[in-house]
Amino acid sequence: MKAICWILNKLAMPLNLLGLLGFCAAIINGDYFVLFLAILFAVLGLWFGVKAYRLGIPPRWLWAKSINDIFDYSVTAVLGYMLVFTDIPLAYYLIANVMEEIV
């Protein structure tokens, strides 16, 4: 689990940017299935965030000096992982649309 958290923490910054752009593209194109899929991934991220917080692995977006120093409340740590999981299908949607336009 710690390896998965490490990988997610390294990919968090580009995933957040691509996820935001993918969200905008899904709204503009009217593709609501991707948004529904993002909600399902958010629920999965909620579960994963609770597990990761119990292990004491903070998400990258606030960088704690030690385990859970900044995160006095588990809600912020869980929301960080939930956001990363939500961005996965949205980023994939954006990349697939851009590749479709190129090819």
Protein backbone atom coordinates (compact mmCIF):
# COMPACT_ATOMS: atom_id res chain seq x y z
CA MET A 1 0.00 0.00 0.00
CA LYS A 2 2.87 2.36 0.76
CA ALA A 3 4.25 1.81 -2.75
CA ILE A 4 0.89 2.73 -4.28
CA CYS A 5 0.78 5.86 -2.12
CA TRP A 6 4.29 6.79 -3.21
CA ILE A 7 3.36 6.40 -6.90
CA LEU A 8 0.15 8.42 -6.43
CA ASN A 9 2.05 11.16 -4.61
CA LYS A 10 4.55 11.42 -7.47
CA LEU A 11 1.78 11.57 -10.09
CA ALA A 12 -0.49 13.93 -8.11
CA MET A 13 0.53 17.24 -9.65
CA PRO A 14 0.14 16.30 -13.35
CA LEU A 15 -2.98 14.26 -12.58
CA ASN A 16 -4.62 17.23 -10.88
CA LEU A 17 -3.95 19.50 -13.85
CA LEU A 18 -5.02 16.93 -16.44
CA GLY A 19 -8.07 16.02 -14.35
CA LEU A 20 -9.21 19.64 -14.20
CA LEU A 21 -8.80 20.02 -17.95
CA GLY A 22 -10.51 16.66 -18.50
CA PHE A 23 -13.43 17.80 -16.34
CA CYS A 24 -13.82 20.91 -18.48
CA ALA A 25 -13.60 18.84 -21.68
CA ALA A 26 -16.22 16.37 -20.41
CA ILE A 27 -18.61 19.22 -19.57
CA ILE A 28 -18.08 20.91 -22.94
CA ASN A 29 -18.51 17.62 -24.86
CA GLY A 30 -21.48 16.57 -22.75
CA ASP A 31 -19.90 13.22 -21.86
CA TYR A 32 -21.55 12.57 -18.51
CA PHE A 33 -20.49 8.92 -18.32
CA VAL A 34 -16.93 10.07 -17.59
CA LEU A 35 -18.22 12.30 -14.80
CA PHE A 36 -20.16 9.36 -13.35
CA LEU A 37 -16.99 7.25 -13.57
CA ALA A 38 -15.10 10.03 -11.77
CA ILE A 39 -17.66 9.87 -8.94
CA LEU A 40 -17.10 6.12 -8.64
CA PHE A 41 -13.35 6.70 -8.49
CA ALA A 42 -13.95 9.38 -5.83
CA VAL A 43 -15.67 6.79 -3.65
CA LEU A 44 -12.75 4.43 -4.21
CA GLY A 45 -10.38 7.28 -3.33
CA LEU A 46 -12.33 7.95 -0.16
CA TRP A 47 -11.84 4.35 0.94
CA PHE A 48 -8.16 4.43 -0.07
CA GLY A 49 -7.61 7.74 1.73
CA VAL A 50 -8.98 6.34 4.99
CA LYS A 51 -6.65 3.34 4.70
CA ALA A 52 -3.65 5.53 3.84
CA TYR A 53 -4.35 7.91 6.72
CA ARG A 54 -4.41 4.99 9.13
CA LEU A 55 -0.95 4.04 7.86
CA GLY A 56 0.20 7.64 8.34
CA ILE A 57 0.96 8.46 4.69
CA PRO A 58 0.10 12.11 3.93
CA PRO A 59 -0.72 13.17 0.37
CA ARG A 60 1.90 15.20 -1.48
CA TRP A 61 -0.08 18.39 -1.95
CA LEU A 62 0.71 19.74 1.54
CA TRP A 63 4.02 17.94 2.36
CA ALA A 64 4.21 17.26 6.08
CA LYS A 65 7.54 17.34 7.92
CA SER A 66 6.61 14.20 9.78
CA ILE A 67 3.75 11.78 9.51
CA ASN A 68 0.43 13.63 9.75
CA ASP A 69 1.90 16.80 11.31
CA ILE A 70 -0.15 19.12 9.13
CA PHE A 71 -3.16 16.85 9.06
CA ASP A 72 -4.73 17.27 12.47
CA TYR A 73 -7.95 16.16 10.88
CA SER A 74 -8.17 13.02 8.82
CA VAL A 75 -10.65 14.75 6.49
CA THR A 76 -7.94 16.76 4.71
CA ALA A 77 -5.72 13.73 4.12
CA VAL A 78 -8.63 11.66 2.85
CA LEU A 79 -9.78 14.46 0.53
CA GLY A 80 -6.29 14.69 -0.95
CA TYR A 81 -6.29 11.04 -1.98
CA MET A 82 -9.90 11.26 -3.10
CA LEU A 83 -9.01 14.14 -5.42
CA VAL A 84 -6.15 12.17 -6.97
CA PHE A 85 -8.40 9.16 -7.59
CA THR A 86 -11.12 11.38 -9.08
CA ASP A 87 -8.63 12.86 -11.52
CA ILE A 88 -7.57 9.49 -12.97
CA PRO A 89 -10.55 8.88 -15.34
CA LEU A 90 -10.78 12.59 -16.20
CA ALA A 91 -7.10 12.74 -17.15
CA TYR A 92 -7.46 9.58 -19.22
CA TYR A 93 -10.48 11.10 -20.98
CA LEU A 94 -8.54 14.25 -21.84
CA ILE A 95 -5.51 12.33 -23.11
CA ALA A 96 -7.71 10.01 -25.19
CA ASN A 97 -9.52 12.97 -26.75
CA VAL A 98 -6.29 14.80 -27.56
CA MET A 99 -4.78 11.65 -29.09
CA GLU A 100 -7.95 11.10 -31.13
CA GLU A 101 -7.68 14.62 -32.53
CA ILE A 102 -4.01 14.17 -33.37
CA VAL A 103 -4.35 10.78 -35.03
